[in-house]
N, C-alpha and C. Protein backbone atom coordinates (compact mmCIF):
# COMPACT_ATOMS: atom_id res chain seq x y z
N MET A 1 128.87 -35.68 -123.28
CA MET A 1 128.46 -34.31 -123.02
C MET A 1 129.68 -33.42 -122.72
N ASP A 2 130.68 -34.03 -122.10
CA ASP A 2 131.89 -33.25 -121.78
C ASP A 2 132.60 -32.70 -123.05
N ARG A 3 132.39 -33.39 -124.15
CA ARG A 3 133.06 -32.98 -125.41
C ARG A 3 132.24 -31.97 -126.19
N LEU A 4 131.03 -31.66 -125.77
CA LEU A 4 130.22 -30.71 -126.51
C LEU A 4 130.77 -29.29 -126.31
N GLN A 5 130.68 -28.48 -127.39
CA GLN A 5 131.32 -27.20 -127.34
C GLN A 5 130.32 -26.01 -127.39
N SER A 6 129.07 -26.31 -127.67
CA SER A 6 128.14 -25.18 -127.79
C SER A 6 126.79 -25.54 -127.21
N VAL A 7 126.01 -24.51 -127.00
CA VAL A 7 124.64 -24.68 -126.49
C VAL A 7 123.81 -25.51 -127.46
N GLU A 8 124.04 -25.25 -128.75
CA GLU A 8 123.29 -25.98 -129.82
C GLU A 8 123.59 -27.47 -129.71
N GLU A 9 124.84 -27.86 -129.50
CA GLU A 9 125.22 -29.26 -129.39
C GLU A 9 124.56 -29.87 -128.14
N VAL A 10 124.49 -29.15 -127.05
CA VAL A 10 123.82 -29.63 -125.83
C VAL A 10 122.33 -29.83 -126.11
N LYS A 11 121.71 -28.89 -126.80
CA LYS A 11 120.29 -28.98 -127.14
C LYS A 11 120.05 -30.21 -128.00
N GLU A 12 120.92 -30.44 -128.97
CA GLU A 12 120.78 -31.58 -129.88
C GLU A 12 120.92 -32.91 -129.09
N LEU A 13 121.88 -32.93 -128.16
CA LEU A 13 122.05 -34.11 -127.33
C LEU A 13 120.80 -34.33 -126.49
N HIS A 14 120.25 -33.25 -125.94
CA HIS A 14 119.06 -33.36 -125.13
C HIS A 14 117.91 -33.96 -125.95
N CYS A 15 117.74 -33.51 -127.19
CA CYS A 15 116.69 -34.03 -128.05
C CYS A 15 116.93 -35.52 -128.34
N ASP A 16 118.16 -35.90 -128.63
CA ASP A 16 118.49 -37.28 -128.89
C ASP A 16 118.24 -38.15 -127.66
N MET A 17 118.58 -37.66 -126.48
CA MET A 17 118.38 -38.42 -125.25
C MET A 17 116.86 -38.58 -124.99
N PHE A 18 116.10 -37.54 -125.20
CA PHE A 18 114.68 -37.57 -125.01
C PHE A 18 114.04 -38.58 -125.99
N ALA A 19 114.47 -38.55 -127.24
CA ALA A 19 113.93 -39.49 -128.23
C ALA A 19 114.27 -40.91 -127.85
N PHE A 20 115.51 -41.13 -127.43
CA PHE A 20 115.91 -42.49 -127.01
C PHE A 20 115.07 -42.94 -125.81
N TYR A 21 114.92 -42.11 -124.83
CA TYR A 21 114.14 -42.45 -123.63
C TYR A 21 112.70 -42.77 -124.00
N THR A 22 112.09 -41.94 -124.81
CA THR A 22 110.71 -42.15 -125.23
C THR A 22 110.57 -43.45 -125.97
N GLN A 23 111.45 -43.75 -126.90
CA GLN A 23 111.40 -45.00 -127.64
C GLN A 23 111.58 -46.20 -126.69
N ARG A 24 112.52 -46.10 -125.81
CA ARG A 24 112.77 -47.21 -124.86
C ARG A 24 111.56 -47.47 -124.01
N MET A 25 110.92 -46.45 -123.49
CA MET A 25 109.72 -46.62 -122.66
C MET A 25 108.61 -47.24 -123.46
N ALA A 26 108.44 -46.85 -124.70
CA ALA A 26 107.44 -47.45 -125.56
C ALA A 26 107.69 -48.94 -125.77
N ASN A 27 108.94 -49.29 -125.98
CA ASN A 27 109.31 -50.70 -126.16
C ASN A 27 109.06 -51.49 -124.90
N ILE A 28 109.40 -50.95 -123.73
CA ILE A 28 109.16 -51.64 -122.49
C ILE A 28 107.68 -51.89 -122.31
N LYS A 29 106.86 -50.87 -122.55
CA LYS A 29 105.41 -51.03 -122.42
C LYS A 29 104.90 -52.12 -123.34
N LYS A 30 105.40 -52.22 -124.57
CA LYS A 30 104.98 -53.23 -125.48
C LYS A 30 105.32 -54.61 -124.97
N GLU A 31 106.44 -54.72 -124.31
CA GLU A 31 106.89 -56.02 -123.81
C GLU A 31 106.03 -56.53 -122.68
N THR A 32 105.33 -55.65 -121.96
CA THR A 32 104.59 -56.07 -120.77
C THR A 32 103.09 -55.90 -120.89
N VAL A 33 102.57 -55.65 -122.05
CA VAL A 33 101.15 -55.47 -122.24
C VAL A 33 100.51 -56.82 -122.43
N PHE A 34 99.47 -57.09 -121.63
CA PHE A 34 98.76 -58.36 -121.72
C PHE A 34 97.30 -58.09 -122.05
N SER A 35 96.67 -59.08 -122.65
CA SER A 35 95.25 -58.93 -122.96
C SER A 35 94.42 -58.89 -121.68
N LEU A 36 93.22 -58.42 -121.78
CA LEU A 36 92.34 -58.30 -120.61
C LEU A 36 92.12 -59.64 -119.91
N PRO A 37 91.87 -60.74 -120.63
CA PRO A 37 91.69 -62.02 -119.91
C PRO A 37 92.93 -62.45 -119.12
N VAL A 38 94.11 -62.20 -119.67
CA VAL A 38 95.34 -62.56 -118.97
C VAL A 38 95.52 -61.69 -117.73
N VAL A 39 95.26 -60.40 -117.84
CA VAL A 39 95.34 -59.50 -116.69
C VAL A 39 94.34 -59.93 -115.62
N GLN A 40 93.12 -60.26 -116.04
CA GLN A 40 92.13 -60.72 -115.09
C GLN A 40 92.58 -62.00 -114.40
N CYS A 41 93.23 -62.89 -115.12
CA CYS A 41 93.75 -64.10 -114.53
C CYS A 41 94.86 -63.80 -113.52
N GLN A 42 95.75 -62.90 -113.90
CA GLN A 42 96.85 -62.53 -113.00
C GLN A 42 96.29 -61.94 -111.71
N ASP A 43 95.30 -61.10 -111.82
CA ASP A 43 94.67 -60.52 -110.59
C ASP A 43 94.01 -61.59 -109.78
N TYR A 44 93.28 -62.48 -110.43
CA TYR A 44 92.59 -63.60 -109.73
C TYR A 44 93.62 -64.43 -108.97
N ILE A 45 94.68 -64.74 -109.63
CA ILE A 45 95.77 -65.55 -109.05
C ILE A 45 96.31 -64.86 -107.78
N ARG A 46 96.62 -63.59 -107.90
CA ARG A 46 97.22 -62.87 -106.78
C ARG A 46 96.27 -62.83 -105.59
N PHE A 47 94.95 -62.77 -105.83
CA PHE A 47 93.98 -62.72 -104.76
C PHE A 47 93.62 -64.10 -104.19
N HIS A 48 94.09 -65.15 -104.87
CA HIS A 48 93.74 -66.50 -104.44
C HIS A 48 94.97 -67.37 -104.20
N LEU A 49 96.06 -66.79 -103.80
CA LEU A 49 97.29 -67.55 -103.59
C LEU A 49 97.17 -68.50 -102.40
N ASP A 50 96.18 -68.29 -101.57
CA ASP A 50 96.04 -69.12 -100.38
C ASP A 50 95.31 -70.43 -100.64
N GLY A 51 94.83 -70.61 -101.85
CA GLY A 51 94.08 -71.84 -102.14
C GLY A 51 94.48 -72.40 -103.50
N HIS A 52 93.74 -73.40 -103.93
CA HIS A 52 94.02 -74.04 -105.20
C HIS A 52 93.47 -73.15 -106.30
N VAL A 53 94.30 -72.83 -107.28
CA VAL A 53 93.88 -72.06 -108.45
C VAL A 53 94.01 -72.97 -109.66
N SER A 54 92.90 -73.26 -110.29
CA SER A 54 92.96 -74.18 -111.45
C SER A 54 92.68 -73.40 -112.71
N LEU A 55 93.08 -74.01 -113.79
CA LEU A 55 92.79 -73.45 -115.11
C LEU A 55 91.31 -73.34 -115.32
N THR A 56 90.56 -74.34 -114.85
CA THR A 56 89.10 -74.30 -114.97
C THR A 56 88.52 -73.10 -114.21
N ASP A 57 89.01 -72.83 -113.02
CA ASP A 57 88.55 -71.66 -112.24
C ASP A 57 88.79 -70.38 -113.03
N LEU A 58 90.01 -70.29 -113.57
CA LEU A 58 90.37 -69.07 -114.30
C LEU A 58 89.51 -68.91 -115.57
N ALA A 59 89.33 -70.00 -116.30
CA ALA A 59 88.54 -69.94 -117.53
C ALA A 59 87.11 -69.51 -117.21
N GLU A 60 86.57 -70.05 -116.14
CA GLU A 60 85.19 -69.64 -115.74
C GLU A 60 85.18 -68.17 -115.33
N HIS A 61 86.22 -67.73 -114.62
CA HIS A 61 86.31 -66.36 -114.15
C HIS A 61 86.32 -65.36 -115.32
N VAL A 62 87.04 -65.70 -116.41
CA VAL A 62 87.18 -64.77 -117.52
C VAL A 62 86.21 -65.11 -118.67
N GLY A 63 85.49 -66.21 -118.57
CA GLY A 63 84.50 -66.55 -119.59
C GLY A 63 85.09 -67.07 -120.88
N LEU A 64 86.21 -67.82 -120.79
CA LEU A 64 86.84 -68.41 -121.98
C LEU A 64 86.95 -69.90 -121.83
N ASN A 65 87.13 -70.57 -122.94
CA ASN A 65 87.42 -71.97 -122.96
C ASN A 65 88.77 -72.23 -122.33
N ALA A 66 88.87 -73.24 -121.44
CA ALA A 66 90.11 -73.51 -120.69
C ALA A 66 91.30 -73.76 -121.64
N SER A 67 91.10 -74.47 -122.69
CA SER A 67 92.20 -74.77 -123.62
C SER A 67 92.70 -73.48 -124.30
N PHE A 68 91.77 -72.66 -124.75
CA PHE A 68 92.14 -71.42 -125.39
C PHE A 68 92.87 -70.49 -124.36
N LEU A 69 92.33 -70.41 -123.16
CA LEU A 69 92.95 -69.58 -122.13
C LEU A 69 94.38 -70.05 -121.82
N SER A 70 94.54 -71.36 -121.73
CA SER A 70 95.85 -71.91 -121.46
C SER A 70 96.89 -71.50 -122.50
N THR A 71 96.47 -71.58 -123.77
CA THR A 71 97.34 -71.19 -124.88
C THR A 71 97.63 -69.69 -124.83
N LEU A 72 96.59 -68.91 -124.65
CA LEU A 72 96.72 -67.44 -124.58
C LEU A 72 97.65 -67.04 -123.44
N PHE A 73 97.43 -67.61 -122.26
CA PHE A 73 98.23 -67.26 -121.07
C PHE A 73 99.71 -67.61 -121.29
N LYS A 74 99.96 -68.77 -121.83
CA LYS A 74 101.35 -69.20 -122.09
C LYS A 74 102.00 -68.31 -123.15
N ARG A 75 101.26 -67.97 -124.18
CA ARG A 75 101.82 -67.13 -125.26
C ARG A 75 102.17 -65.74 -124.72
N GLU A 76 101.33 -65.17 -123.88
CA GLU A 76 101.56 -63.79 -123.42
C GLU A 76 102.54 -63.71 -122.27
N THR A 77 102.49 -64.65 -121.33
CA THR A 77 103.38 -64.56 -120.14
C THR A 77 104.63 -65.41 -120.26
N GLY A 78 104.63 -66.36 -121.18
CA GLY A 78 105.77 -67.27 -121.30
C GLY A 78 105.76 -68.37 -120.28
N LEU A 79 104.70 -68.42 -119.45
CA LEU A 79 104.58 -69.44 -118.41
C LEU A 79 103.23 -70.11 -118.50
N SER A 80 103.17 -71.38 -118.10
CA SER A 80 101.87 -72.01 -117.94
C SER A 80 101.16 -71.42 -116.74
N VAL A 81 99.91 -71.63 -116.61
CA VAL A 81 99.18 -71.13 -115.43
C VAL A 81 99.80 -71.69 -114.17
N THR A 82 100.10 -72.98 -114.14
CA THR A 82 100.69 -73.60 -112.97
C THR A 82 102.05 -72.97 -112.62
N GLU A 83 102.89 -72.76 -113.61
CA GLU A 83 104.17 -72.11 -113.38
C GLU A 83 103.99 -70.68 -112.84
N TYR A 84 103.03 -69.98 -113.41
CA TYR A 84 102.80 -68.60 -113.00
C TYR A 84 102.31 -68.57 -111.52
N VAL A 85 101.40 -69.45 -111.20
CA VAL A 85 100.89 -69.50 -109.79
C VAL A 85 102.04 -69.78 -108.85
N GLN A 86 102.89 -70.74 -109.22
CA GLN A 86 104.04 -71.07 -108.35
C GLN A 86 104.97 -69.92 -108.22
N ARG A 87 105.25 -69.23 -109.33
CA ARG A 87 106.14 -68.06 -109.31
C ARG A 87 105.58 -66.97 -108.36
N GLU A 88 104.30 -66.72 -108.46
CA GLU A 88 103.65 -65.73 -107.59
C GLU A 88 103.71 -66.13 -106.14
N ARG A 89 103.48 -67.40 -105.87
CA ARG A 89 103.55 -67.89 -104.47
C ARG A 89 104.94 -67.75 -103.90
N ILE A 90 105.93 -68.08 -104.70
CA ILE A 90 107.32 -67.97 -104.23
C ILE A 90 107.72 -66.51 -104.04
N ALA A 91 107.29 -65.64 -104.93
CA ALA A 91 107.57 -64.19 -104.79
C ALA A 91 106.93 -63.66 -103.48
N THR A 92 105.72 -64.09 -103.22
CA THR A 92 105.04 -63.66 -101.98
C THR A 92 105.76 -64.25 -100.75
N ALA A 93 106.15 -65.51 -100.86
CA ALA A 93 106.89 -66.13 -99.74
C ALA A 93 108.20 -65.40 -99.46
N LYS A 94 108.93 -65.03 -100.51
CA LYS A 94 110.15 -64.28 -100.32
C LYS A 94 109.90 -62.98 -99.59
N ASN A 95 108.84 -62.30 -99.99
CA ASN A 95 108.47 -61.04 -99.32
C ASN A 95 108.14 -61.29 -97.87
N MET A 96 107.36 -62.33 -97.59
CA MET A 96 106.98 -62.65 -96.19
C MET A 96 108.20 -63.01 -95.37
N LEU A 97 109.14 -63.74 -95.96
CA LEU A 97 110.35 -64.10 -95.25
C LEU A 97 111.21 -62.88 -94.95
N LYS A 98 111.25 -61.94 -95.87
CA LYS A 98 112.03 -60.73 -95.70
C LYS A 98 111.42 -59.79 -94.66
N TYR A 99 110.11 -59.59 -94.70
CA TYR A 99 109.49 -58.51 -93.98
C TYR A 99 108.50 -58.93 -92.90
N SER A 100 108.41 -60.21 -92.58
CA SER A 100 107.52 -60.63 -91.50
C SER A 100 108.26 -61.61 -90.58
N ASP A 101 107.61 -61.95 -89.53
CA ASP A 101 108.19 -62.93 -88.61
C ASP A 101 107.39 -64.26 -88.66
N TYR A 102 106.56 -64.44 -89.70
CA TYR A 102 105.86 -65.70 -89.85
C TYR A 102 106.84 -66.85 -90.05
N THR A 103 106.51 -67.99 -89.50
CA THR A 103 107.35 -69.17 -89.68
C THR A 103 107.17 -69.71 -91.09
N ALA A 104 108.07 -70.57 -91.49
CA ALA A 104 107.98 -71.22 -92.81
C ALA A 104 106.66 -72.00 -92.86
N GLN A 105 106.30 -72.65 -91.78
CA GLN A 105 105.04 -73.43 -91.76
C GLN A 105 103.84 -72.52 -91.97
N GLN A 106 103.82 -71.36 -91.30
CA GLN A 106 102.72 -70.41 -91.44
C GLN A 106 102.67 -69.87 -92.86
N ILE A 107 103.80 -69.61 -93.47
CA ILE A 107 103.85 -69.10 -94.84
C ILE A 107 103.36 -70.17 -95.80
N ALA A 108 103.84 -71.41 -95.61
CA ALA A 108 103.39 -72.52 -96.48
C ALA A 108 101.89 -72.68 -96.41
N THR A 109 101.32 -72.62 -95.24
CA THR A 109 99.89 -72.76 -95.09
C THR A 109 99.16 -71.59 -95.72
N ALA A 110 99.63 -70.37 -95.45
CA ALA A 110 98.99 -69.16 -95.98
C ALA A 110 99.00 -69.13 -97.49
N LEU A 111 100.01 -69.75 -98.11
CA LEU A 111 100.12 -69.70 -99.57
C LEU A 111 99.61 -70.99 -100.24
N GLY A 112 98.94 -71.82 -99.50
CA GLY A 112 98.27 -72.96 -100.11
C GLY A 112 99.17 -74.12 -100.48
N PHE A 113 100.37 -74.22 -99.91
CA PHE A 113 101.22 -75.37 -100.15
C PHE A 113 100.67 -76.54 -99.33
N SER A 114 100.80 -77.73 -99.88
CA SER A 114 100.22 -78.91 -99.19
C SER A 114 100.95 -79.26 -97.92
N SER A 115 102.22 -78.90 -97.80
CA SER A 115 102.99 -79.14 -96.60
C SER A 115 104.18 -78.23 -96.55
N GLN A 116 104.80 -78.11 -95.39
CA GLN A 116 105.98 -77.31 -95.26
C GLN A 116 107.12 -77.93 -96.05
N SER A 117 107.21 -79.24 -96.08
CA SER A 117 108.33 -79.87 -96.80
C SER A 117 108.22 -79.62 -98.29
N TYR A 118 106.99 -79.64 -98.84
CA TYR A 118 106.81 -79.35 -100.25
C TYR A 118 107.13 -77.89 -100.51
N PHE A 119 106.71 -77.01 -99.64
CA PHE A 119 107.05 -75.57 -99.74
C PHE A 119 108.54 -75.40 -99.78
N THR A 120 109.24 -76.05 -98.86
CA THR A 120 110.72 -75.91 -98.80
C THR A 120 111.36 -76.43 -100.07
N LYS A 121 110.85 -77.56 -100.60
CA LYS A 121 111.39 -78.13 -101.82
C LYS A 121 111.21 -77.15 -103.01
N VAL A 122 110.02 -76.64 -103.18
CA VAL A 122 109.75 -75.71 -104.30
C VAL A 122 110.54 -74.44 -104.12
N PHE A 123 110.60 -73.91 -102.86
CA PHE A 123 111.34 -72.68 -102.62
C PHE A 123 112.80 -72.86 -102.95
N ARG A 124 113.40 -73.97 -102.53
CA ARG A 124 114.81 -74.25 -102.82
C ARG A 124 115.05 -74.39 -104.31
N GLN A 125 114.17 -75.08 -105.02
CA GLN A 125 114.32 -75.25 -106.48
C GLN A 125 114.28 -73.90 -107.18
N THR A 126 113.43 -73.00 -106.68
CA THR A 126 113.24 -71.72 -107.34
C THR A 126 114.31 -70.72 -107.01
N THR A 127 114.69 -70.63 -105.73
CA THR A 127 115.62 -69.59 -105.27
C THR A 127 117.03 -70.07 -105.03
N GLY A 128 117.23 -71.36 -104.85
CA GLY A 128 118.54 -71.87 -104.51
C GLY A 128 118.83 -71.82 -103.01
N HIS A 129 117.81 -71.44 -102.23
CA HIS A 129 117.96 -71.36 -100.77
C HIS A 129 116.75 -72.04 -100.11
N THR A 130 116.98 -72.51 -98.92
CA THR A 130 115.82 -72.94 -98.11
C THR A 130 115.16 -71.69 -97.56
N PRO A 131 113.91 -71.77 -97.15
CA PRO A 131 113.27 -70.59 -96.54
C PRO A 131 114.05 -70.06 -95.34
N THR A 132 114.56 -70.95 -94.52
CA THR A 132 115.32 -70.53 -93.34
C THR A 132 116.59 -69.78 -93.75
N ASP A 133 117.30 -70.30 -94.70
CA ASP A 133 118.53 -69.64 -95.18
C ASP A 133 118.19 -68.30 -95.85
N TYR A 134 117.13 -68.26 -96.62
CA TYR A 134 116.71 -67.03 -97.27
C TYR A 134 116.39 -65.96 -96.20
N ARG A 135 115.66 -66.34 -95.17
CA ARG A 135 115.33 -65.40 -94.15
C ARG A 135 116.61 -64.89 -93.43
N ARG A 136 117.48 -65.79 -93.14
CA ARG A 136 118.74 -65.43 -92.46
C ARG A 136 119.51 -64.41 -93.28
N ARG A 137 119.52 -64.55 -94.61
CA ARG A 137 120.28 -63.68 -95.48
C ARG A 137 119.58 -62.34 -95.72
N TYR A 138 118.25 -62.34 -95.84
CA TYR A 138 117.55 -61.16 -96.33
C TYR A 138 116.54 -60.54 -95.41
N HIS A 139 116.33 -61.06 -94.26
CA HIS A 139 115.29 -60.55 -93.35
C HIS A 139 115.59 -59.11 -92.95
N HIS A 140 114.52 -58.28 -93.04
CA HIS A 140 114.58 -56.89 -92.60
C HIS A 140 113.82 -56.75 -91.32
N SER A 141 114.44 -56.21 -90.32
CA SER A 141 113.75 -56.01 -89.05
C SER A 141 112.58 -55.07 -89.23
N THR A 142 111.46 -55.43 -88.56
CA THR A 142 110.29 -54.58 -88.62
C THR A 142 110.23 -53.59 -87.47
N GLY A 143 111.26 -53.59 -86.63
CA GLY A 143 111.29 -52.64 -85.50
C GLY A 143 111.54 -51.24 -85.95
N PHE A 144 111.08 -50.31 -85.18
CA PHE A 144 111.30 -48.88 -85.49
C PHE A 144 112.54 -48.38 -84.83
N GLY A 145 113.12 -47.36 -85.36
CA GLY A 145 114.26 -46.69 -84.77
C GLY A 145 115.57 -47.42 -84.91
N GLU A 146 115.63 -48.36 -85.83
CA GLU A 146 116.89 -49.09 -86.02
C GLU A 146 117.71 -48.47 -87.13
């Protein structure tokens, strides 16, 4: 922009930038659009992170054959249902460790992990940190006026 010499050149650049931005936004939206059954599964998973979420439960919820749903889910998200559930649980655990004072045991229980040690193992495999270390590094105080 610094090299432009006229109002017309600035207008042309503006049009080019707008076209680039519009195209980029369209491409991003295409990358993240999922079919209705997959979106319904994602919502179901988010609302049921505290318990066991099975492919059978999801298939029944969306009214599809479990095998077909498994294939569809993997094709659209790039993850199996089990991997997706685990990713969502770990993302929620990270948030809880950052912004709450719940213990690792309370978080493991709240998110349906069979034990705190299993939660710690999965958390470390996923993030490279133990829950305690993650909290120490990233915890945000919930107090006011700080």
